[in-house]
Amino acid sequence: MSGYTSTRTFGAPRELVWGCLTEAGHVGVWFGGHDGRMEDMVCEPVVGGRWGGTMVLPDGHRIEWDGRFLVVEGPARLVWAF
């Protein structure tokens, strides 16, 4: 399997960052960004669990996102596929 590895450092408590990447409400804000929003966000942070939703851009364009969690070792390591 090929892919990308992204390592980030945040000035926030580890548990908060973990929640932002594994809780539907937080992931929707994180993923939607400043200009977009996420609808129908699903986030099942267990190995094989689904994540996804519909990103709605300011111009009304809609982008469907769907993926699976591959590794869930909270709060240290999270691998998900798109």
PDB file of N, CA and C in Angstrom:
ATOM      1  N   MET A   1       0.845  -1.170   0.000  1.00  0.00           N
ATOM      2  CA  MET A   1       0.000   0.000   0.000  1.00  0.00           C
ATOM      3  C   MET A   1       0.893   1.236   0.000  1.00  0.00           C
ATOM      4  N   SER A   2       0.604   2.181  -0.864  1.00  0.00           N
ATOM      5  CA  SER A   2       1.351   3.429  -0.867  1.00  0.00           C
ATOM      6  C   SER A   2       0.479   4.518  -0.263  1.00  0.00           C
ATOM      7  N   GLY A   3       1.086   5.627   0.029  1.00  0.00           N
ATOM      8  CA  GLY A   3       0.314   6.710   0.607  1.00  0.00           C
ATOM      9  C   GLY A   3       1.214   7.826   1.048  1.00  0.00           C
ATOM     10  N   TYR A   4       0.692   8.647   1.902  1.00  0.00           N
ATOM     11  CA  TYR A   4       1.409   9.792   2.438  1.00  0.00           C
ATOM     12  C   TYR A   4       1.512   9.651   3.944  1.00  0.00           C
ATOM     13  N   THR A   5       2.588  10.152   4.489  1.00  0.00           N
ATOM     14  CA  THR A   5       2.732  10.233   5.929  1.00  0.00           C
ATOM     15  C   THR A   5       2.784  11.701   6.289  1.00  0.00           C
ATOM     16  N   SER A   6       1.938  12.089   7.205  1.00  0.00           N
ATOM     17  CA  SER A   6       1.907  13.467   7.665  1.00  0.00           C
ATOM     18  C   SER A   6       2.138  13.461   9.172  1.00  0.00           C
ATOM     19  N   THR A   7       3.165  14.152   9.593  1.00  0.00           N
ATOM     20  CA  THR A   7       3.455  14.283  11.010  1.00  0.00           C
ATOM     21  C   THR A   7       3.322  15.750  11.368  1.00  0.00           C
ATOM     22  N   ARG A   8       2.490  16.049  12.344  1.00  0.00           N
ATOM     23  CA  ARG A   8       2.244  17.440  12.722  1.00  0.00           C
ATOM     24  C   ARG A   8       2.448  17.604  14.217  1.00  0.00           C
ATOM     25  N   THR A   9       2.860  18.783  14.615  1.00  0.00           N
ATOM     26  CA  THR A   9       2.985  19.138  16.018  1.00  0.00           C
ATOM     27  C   THR A   9       2.055  20.316  16.284  1.00  0.00           C
ATOM     28  N   PHE A  10       1.231  20.175  17.310  1.00  0.00           N
ATOM     29  CA  PHE A  10       0.266  21.217  17.655  1.00  0.00           C
ATOM     30  C   PHE A  10       0.509  21.698  19.073  1.00  0.00           C
ATOM     31  N   GLY A  11       0.274  22.956  19.311  1.00  0.00           N
ATOM     32  CA  GLY A  11       0.384  23.524  20.644  1.00  0.00           C
ATOM     33  C   GLY A  11      -0.915  23.334  21.404  1.00  0.00           C
ATOM     34  N   ALA A  12      -1.296  22.089  21.595  1.00  0.00           N
ATOM     35  CA  ALA A  12      -2.548  21.759  22.287  1.00  0.00           C
ATOM     36  C   ALA A  12      -2.361  20.426  22.994  1.00  0.00           C
ATOM     37  N   PRO A  13      -3.184  20.158  24.009  1.00  0.00           N
ATOM     38  CA  PRO A  13      -3.081  18.866  24.686  1.00  0.00           C
ATOM     39  C   PRO A  13      -3.337  17.713  23.716  1.00  0.00           C
ATOM     40  N   ARG A  14      -2.574  16.654  23.883  1.00  0.00           N
ATOM     41  CA  ARG A  14      -2.662  15.477  23.001  1.00  0.00           C
ATOM     42  C   ARG A  14      -4.093  14.943  22.902  1.00  0.00           C
ATOM     43  N   GLU A  15      -4.813  14.887  24.014  1.00  0.00           N
ATOM     44  CA  GLU A  15      -6.178  14.352  24.022  1.00  0.00           C
ATOM     45  C   GLU A  15      -7.128  15.221  23.192  1.00  0.00           C
ATOM     46  N   LEU A  16      -6.908  16.544  23.217  1.00  0.00           N
ATOM     47  CA  LEU A  16      -7.741  17.439  22.414  1.00  0.00           C
ATOM     48  C   LEU A  16      -7.500  17.209  20.927  1.00  0.00           C
ATOM     49  N   VAL A  17      -6.244  17.105  20.524  1.00  0.00           N
ATOM     50  CA  VAL A  17      -5.920  16.845  19.119  1.00  0.00           C
ATOM     51  C   VAL A  17      -6.508  15.499  18.695  1.00  0.00           C
ATOM     52  N   TRP A  18      -6.381  14.486  19.560  1.00  0.00           N
ATOM     53  CA  TRP A  18      -6.943  13.168  19.254  1.00  0.00           C
ATOM     54  C   TRP A  18      -8.450  13.279  19.021  1.00  0.00           C
ATOM     55  N   GLY A  19      -9.135  14.006  19.894  1.00  0.00           N
ATOM     56  CA  GLY A  19     -10.577  14.191  19.742  1.00  0.00           C
ATOM     57  C   GLY A  19     -10.930  14.911  18.455  1.00  0.00           C
ATOM     58  N   CYS A  20     -10.101  15.868  18.061  1.00  0.00           N
ATOM     59  CA  CYS A  20     -10.357  16.609  16.819  1.00  0.00           C
ATOM     60  C   CYS A  20     -10.243  15.717  15.594  1.00  0.00           C
ATOM     61  N   LEU A  21      -9.521  14.611  15.721  1.00  0.00           N
ATOM     62  CA  LEU A  21      -9.339  13.693  14.594  1.00  0.00           C
ATOM     63  C   LEU A  21     -10.203  12.442  14.678  1.00  0.00           C
ATOM     64  N   THR A  22     -10.932  12.269  15.791  1.00  0.00           N
ATOM     65  CA  THR A  22     -11.698  11.030  15.959  1.00  0.00           C
ATOM     66  C   THR A  22     -13.154  11.236  16.355  1.00  0.00           C
ATOM     67  N   GLU A  23     -13.577  12.461  16.585  1.00  0.00           N
ATOM     68  CA  GLU A  23     -14.973  12.736  16.951  1.00  0.00           C
ATOM     69  C   GLU A  23     -15.644  13.492  15.811  1.00  0.00           C
ATOM     70  N   ALA A  24     -16.788  12.984  15.373  1.00  0.00           N
ATOM     71  CA  ALA A  24     -17.448  13.510  14.169  1.00  0.00           C
ATOM     72  C   ALA A  24     -17.610  15.027  14.180  1.00  0.00           C
ATOM     73  N   GLY A  25     -18.051  15.595  15.284  1.00  0.00           N
ATOM     74  CA  GLY A  25     -18.250  17.042  15.337  1.00  0.00           C
ATOM     75  C   GLY A  25     -16.964  17.813  15.123  1.00  0.00           C
ATOM     76  N   HIS A  26     -15.903  17.360  15.732  1.00  0.00           N
ATOM     77  CA  HIS A  26     -14.608  18.018  15.572  1.00  0.00           C
ATOM     78  C   HIS A  26     -14.027  17.779  14.177  1.00  0.00           C
ATOM     79  N   VAL A  27     -14.114  16.560  13.682  1.00  0.00           N
ATOM     80  CA  VAL A  27     -13.551  16.254  12.358  1.00  0.00           C
ATOM     81  C   VAL A  27     -14.249  17.098  11.297  1.00  0.00           C
ATOM     82  N   GLY A  28     -15.549  17.274  11.440  1.00  0.00           N
ATOM     83  CA  GLY A  28     -16.297  18.083  10.482  1.00  0.00           C
ATOM     84  C   GLY A  28     -15.791  19.507  10.404  1.00  0.00           C
ATOM     85  N   VAL A  29     -15.464  20.101  11.547  1.00  0.00           N
ATOM     86  CA  VAL A  29     -14.936  21.468  11.575  1.00  0.00           C
ATOM     87  C   VAL A  29     -13.522  21.477  11.010  1.00  0.00           C
ATOM     88  N   TRP A  30     -12.703  20.518  11.448  1.00  0.00           N
ATOM     89  CA  TRP A  30     -11.307  20.423  11.009  1.00  0.00           C
ATOM     90  C   TRP A  30     -11.241  20.255   9.489  1.00  0.00           C
ATOM     91  N   PHE A  31     -12.035  19.323   8.980  1.00  0.00           N
ATOM     92  CA  PHE A  31     -11.987  18.975   7.561  1.00  0.00           C
ATOM     93  C   PHE A  31     -12.666  20.023   6.701  1.00  0.00           C
ATOM     94  N   GLY A  32     -13.736  20.626   7.205  1.00  0.00           N
ATOM     95  CA  GLY A  32     -14.472  21.625   6.429  1.00  0.00           C
ATOM     96  C   GLY A  32     -13.705  22.916   6.230  1.00  0.00           C
ATOM     97  N   GLY A  33     -12.811  23.210   7.143  1.00  0.00           N
ATOM     98  CA  GLY A  33     -11.997  24.414   7.029  1.00  0.00           C
ATOM     99  C   GLY A  33     -12.776  25.682   7.325  1.00  0.00           C
ATOM    100  N   HIS A  34     -12.177  26.801   6.972  1.00  0.00           N
ATOM    101  CA  HIS A  34     -12.781  28.102   7.266  1.00  0.00           C
ATOM    102  C   HIS A  34     -13.952  28.419   6.351  1.00  0.00           C
ATOM    103  N   ASP A  35     -13.876  27.987   5.098  1.00  0.00           N
ATOM    104  CA  ASP A  35     -14.876  28.392   4.118  1.00  0.00           C
ATOM    105  C   ASP A  35     -15.952  27.341   3.861  1.00  0.00           C
ATOM    106  N   GLY A  36     -15.652  26.096   4.162  1.00  0.00           N
ATOM    107  CA  GLY A  36     -16.608  25.036   3.876  1.00  0.00           C
ATOM    108  C   GLY A  36     -17.247  24.513   5.144  1.00  0.00           C
ATOM    109  N   ARG A  37     -18.125  23.562   4.970  1.00  0.00           N
ATOM    110  CA  ARG A  37     -18.723  22.883   6.122  1.00  0.00           C
ATOM    111  C   ARG A  37     -18.934  21.427   5.739  1.00  0.00           C
ATOM    112  N   MET A  38     -19.019  20.581   6.735  1.00  0.00           N
ATOM    113  CA  MET A  38     -19.251  19.158   6.501  1.00  0.00           C
ATOM    114  C   MET A  38     -20.665  18.804   6.937  1.00  0.00           C
ATOM    115  N   GLU A  39     -21.329  18.001   6.135  1.00  0.00           N
ATOM    116  CA  GLU A  39     -22.656  17.487   6.455  1.00  0.00           C
ATOM    117  C   GLU A  39     -22.580  15.977   6.587  1.00  0.00           C
ATOM    118  N   ASP A  40     -23.488  15.413   7.353  1.00  0.00           N
ATOM    119  CA  ASP A  40     -23.610  13.956   7.476  1.00  0.00           C
ATOM    120  C   ASP A  40     -22.297  13.299   7.888  1.00  0.00           C
ATOM    121  N   MET A  41     -21.539  13.951   8.765  1.00  0.00           N
ATOM    122  CA  MET A  41     -20.236  13.440   9.181  1.00  0.00           C
ATOM    123  C   MET A  41     -20.397  12.156   9.985  1.00  0.00           C
ATOM    124  N   VAL A  42     -19.618  11.142   9.609  1.00  0.00           N
ATOM    125  CA  VAL A  42     -19.578   9.865  10.308  1.00  0.00           C
ATOM    126  C   VAL A  42     -18.140   9.623  10.716  1.00  0.00           C
ATOM    127  N   CYS A  43     -17.936   9.171  11.946  1.00  0.00           N
ATOM    128  CA  CYS A  43     -16.584   8.935  12.423  1.00  0.00           C
ATOM    129  C   CYS A  43     -16.625   7.771  13.416  1.00  0.00           C
ATOM    130  N   GLU A  44     -16.120   6.617  12.996  1.00  0.00           N
ATOM    131  CA  GLU A  44     -16.104   5.400  13.815  1.00  0.00           C
ATOM    132  C   GLU A  44     -14.645   5.000  14.033  1.00  0.00           C
ATOM    133  N   PRO A  45     -13.959   5.599  15.032  1.00  0.00           N
ATOM    134  CA  PRO A  45     -12.518   5.393  15.193  1.00  0.00           C
ATOM    135  C   PRO A  45     -12.132   4.050  15.812  1.00  0.00           C
ATOM    136  N   VAL A  46     -12.393   2.995  15.051  1.00  0.00           N
ATOM    137  CA  VAL A  46     -11.933   1.643  15.387  1.00  0.00           C
ATOM    138  C   VAL A  46     -11.340   1.076  14.095  1.00  0.00           C
ATOM    139  N   VAL A  47     -10.453   0.129  14.204  1.00  0.00           N
ATOM    140  CA  VAL A  47      -9.852  -0.456  13.005  1.00  0.00           C
ATOM    141  C   VAL A  47     -10.971  -0.990  12.113  1.00  0.00           C
ATOM    142  N   GLY A  48     -10.988  -0.529  10.881  1.00  0.00           N
ATOM    143  CA  GLY A  48     -12.028  -0.903   9.928  1.00  0.00           C
ATOM    144  C   GLY A  48     -13.229   0.013   9.962  1.00  0.00           C
ATOM    145  N   GLY A  49     -13.304   0.903  10.963  1.00  0.00           N
ATOM    146  CA  GLY A  49     -14.426   1.828  11.077  1.00  0.00           C
ATOM    147  C   GLY A  49     -14.408   2.869   9.967  1.00  0.00           C
ATOM    148  N   ARG A  50     -15.570   3.383   9.676  1.00  0.00           N
ATOM    149  CA  ARG A  50     -15.742   4.336   8.582  1.00  0.00           C
ATOM    150  C   ARG A  50     -15.621   5.768   9.077  1.00  0.00           C
ATOM    151  N   TRP A  51     -15.163   6.639   8.206  1.00  0.00           N
ATOM    152  CA  TRP A  51     -15.253   8.074   8.424  1.00  0.00           C
ATOM    153  C   TRP A  51     -15.652   8.699   7.092  1.00  0.00           C
ATOM    154  N   GLY A  52     -16.349   9.793   7.132  1.00  0.00           N
ATOM    155  CA  GLY A  52     -16.710  10.459   5.893  1.00  0.00           C
ATOM    156  C   GLY A  52     -17.822  11.455   6.088  1.00  0.00           C
ATOM    157  N   GLY A  53     -18.174  12.100   5.010  1.00  0.00           N
ATOM    158  CA  GLY A  53     -19.226  13.098   5.013  1.00  0.00           C
ATOM    159  C   GLY A  53     -19.206  13.851   3.702  1.00  0.00           C
ATOM    160  N   THR A  54     -20.024  14.874   3.625  1.00  0.00           N
ATOM    161  CA  THR A  54     -20.117  15.696   2.430  1.00  0.00           C
ATOM    162  C   THR A  54     -19.611  17.095   2.740  1.00  0.00           C
ATOM    163  N   MET A  55     -18.569  17.521   2.029  1.00  0.00           N
ATOM    164  CA  MET A  55     -18.045  18.872   2.183  1.00  0.00           C
ATOM    165  C   MET A  55     -18.858  19.781   1.267  1.00  0.00           C
ATOM    166  N   VAL A  56     -19.384  20.864   1.844  1.00  0.00           N
ATOM    167  CA  VAL A  56     -20.150  21.832   1.065  1.00  0.00           C
ATOM    168  C   VAL A  56     -19.345  23.129   1.013  1.00  0.00           C
ATOM    169  N   LEU A  57     -18.943  23.517  -0.181  1.00  0.00           N
ATOM    170  CA  LEU A  57     -18.143  24.719  -0.376  1.00  0.00           C
ATOM    171  C   LEU A  57     -19.047  25.944  -0.481  1.00  0.00           C
ATOM    172  N   PRO A  58     -18.498  27.147  -0.289  1.00  0.00           N
ATOM    173  CA  PRO A  58     -19.319  28.360  -0.326  1.00  0.00           C
ATOM    174  C   PRO A  58     -20.122  28.541  -1.615  1.00  0.00           C
ATOM    175  N   ASP A  59     -19.602  28.030  -2.730  1.00  0.00           N
ATOM    176  CA  ASP A  59     -20.333  28.169  -3.998  1.00  0.00           C
ATOM    177  C   ASP A  59     -21.396  27.090  -4.180  1.00  0.00           C
ATOM    178  N   GLY A  60     -21.563  26.218  -3.155  1.00  0.00           N
ATOM    179  CA  GLY A  60     -22.565  25.166  -3.216  1.00  0.00           C
ATOM    180  C   GLY A  60     -22.042  23.844  -3.742  1.00  0.00           C
ATOM    181  N   HIS A  61     -20.824  23.837  -4.274  1.00  0.00           N
ATOM    182  CA  HIS A  61     -20.226  22.588  -4.767  1.00  0.00           C
ATOM    183  C   HIS A  61     -20.108  21.599  -3.611  1.00  0.00           C
ATOM    184  N   ARG A  62     -20.415  20.332  -3.879  1.00  0.00           N
ATOM    185  CA  ARG A  62     -20.391  19.295  -2.850  1.00  0.00           C
ATOM    186  C   ARG A  62     -19.351  18.236  -3.205  1.00  0.00           C
ATOM    187  N   ILE A  63     -18.556  17.844  -2.199  1.00  0.00           N
ATOM    188  CA  ILE A  63     -17.532  16.822  -2.388  1.00  0.00           C
ATOM    189  C   ILE A  63     -17.767  15.727  -1.360  1.00  0.00           C
ATOM    190  N   GLU A  64     -17.947  14.506  -1.832  1.00  0.00           N
ATOM    191  CA  GLU A  64     -18.151  13.359  -0.948  1.00  0.00           C
ATOM    192  C   GLU A  64     -16.804  12.808  -0.506  1.00  0.00           C
ATOM    193  N   TRP A  65     -16.628  12.617   0.789  1.00  0.00           N
ATOM    194  CA  TRP A  65     -15.417  12.019   1.350  1.00  0.00           C
ATOM    195  C   TRP A  65     -15.807  10.730   2.055  1.00  0.00           C
ATOM    196  N   ASP A  66     -14.982   9.717   1.895  1.00  0.00           N
ATOM    197  CA  ASP A  66     -15.268   8.431   2.523  1.00  0.00           C
ATOM    198  C   ASP A  66     -13.954   7.705   2.747  1.00  0.00           C
ATOM    199  N   GLY A  67     -13.814   7.077   3.873  1.00  0.00           N
ATOM    200  CA  GLY A  67     -12.594   6.331   4.155  1.00  0.00           C
ATOM    201  C   GLY A  67     -12.771   5.377   5.318  1.00  0.00           C
ATOM    202  N   ARG A  68     -11.691   4.719   5.659  1.00  0.00           N
ATOM    203  CA  ARG A  68     -11.669   3.751   6.759  1.00  0.00           C
ATOM    204  C   ARG A  68     -10.492   4.038   7.670  1.00  0.00           C
ATOM    205  N   PHE A  69     -10.681   3.725   8.939  1.00  0.00           N
ATOM    206  CA  PHE A  69      -9.576   3.798   9.894  1.00  0.00           C
ATOM    207  C   PHE A  69      -8.777   2.506   9.786  1.00  0.00           C
ATOM    208  N   LEU A  70      -7.477   2.632   9.629  1.00  0.00           N
ATOM    209  CA  LEU A  70      -6.606   1.463   9.482  1.00  0.00           C
ATOM    210  C   LEU A  70      -5.843   1.133  10.754  1.00  0.00           C
ATOM    211  N   VAL A  71      -5.408   2.165  11.485  1.00  0.00           N
ATOM    212  CA  VAL A  71      -4.700   1.999  12.757  1.00  0.00           C
ATOM    213  C   VAL A  71      -5.277   3.015  13.725  1.00  0.00           C
ATOM    214  N   VAL A  72      -5.670   2.567  14.899  1.00  0.00           N
ATOM    215  CA  VAL A  72      -6.214   3.452  15.925  1.00  0.00           C
ATOM    216  C   VAL A  72      -5.508   3.107  17.231  1.00  0.00           C
ATOM    217  N   GLU A  73      -4.509   3.909  17.571  1.00  0.00           N
ATOM    218  CA  GLU A  73      -3.716   3.699  18.780  1.00  0.00           C
ATOM    219  C   GLU A  73      -3.685   5.012  19.556  1.00  0.00           C
ATOM    220  N   GLY A  74      -4.848   5.366  20.114  1.00  0.00           N
ATOM    221  CA  GLY A  74      -5.002   6.666  20.763  1.00  0.00           C
ATOM    222  C   GLY A  74      -4.270   6.800  22.071  1.00  0.00           C
ATOM    223  N   PRO A  75      -3.792   7.977  22.328  1.00  0.00           N
ATOM    224  CA  PRO A  75      -3.805   9.148  21.461  1.00  0.00           C
ATOM    225  C   PRO A  75      -2.499   9.355  20.709  1.00  0.00           C
ATOM    226  N   ALA A  76      -1.813   8.287  20.362  1.00  0.00           N
ATOM    227  CA  ALA A  76      -0.478   8.417  19.767  1.00  0.00           C
ATOM    228  C   ALA A  76      -0.438   8.277  18.248  1.00  0.00           C
ATOM    229  N   ARG A  77      -1.230   7.379  17.683  1.00  0.00           N
ATOM    230  CA  ARG A  77      -1.097   7.078  16.251  1.00  0.00           C
ATOM    231  C   ARG A  77      -2.459   6.800  15.633  1.00  0.00           C
ATOM    232  N   LEU A  78      -2.670   7.426  14.478  1.00  0.00           N
ATOM    233  CA  LEU A  78      -3.931   7.257  13.768  1.00  0.00           C
ATOM    234  C   LEU A  78      -3.604   7.162  12.280  1.00  0.00           C
ATOM    235  N   VAL A  79      -4.092   6.107  11.643  1.00  0.00           N
ATOM    236  CA  VAL A  79      -3.905   5.943  10.202  1.00  0.00           C
ATOM    237  C   VAL A  79      -5.286   5.748   9.599  1.00  0.00           C
ATOM    238  N   TRP A  80      -5.580   6.583   8.610  1.00  0.00           N
ATOM    239  CA  TRP A  80      -6.868   6.436   7.931  1.00  0.00           C
ATOM    240  C   TRP A  80      -6.669   6.503   6.436  1.00  0.00           C
ATOM    241  N   ALA A  81      -7.543   5.836   5.722  1.00  0.00           N
ATOM    242  CA  ALA A  81      -7.477   5.798   4.265  1.00  0.00           C
ATOM    243  C   ALA A  81      -8.621   6.637   3.716  1.00  0.00           C
ATOM    244  N   PHE A  82      -8.364   7.264   2.580  1.00  0.00           N
ATOM    245  CA  PHE A  82      -9.401   8.029   1.890  1.00  0.00           C
ATOM    246  C   PHE A  82     -10.020   7.161   0.838  1.00  0.00           C
TER     247      PHE A  82
END
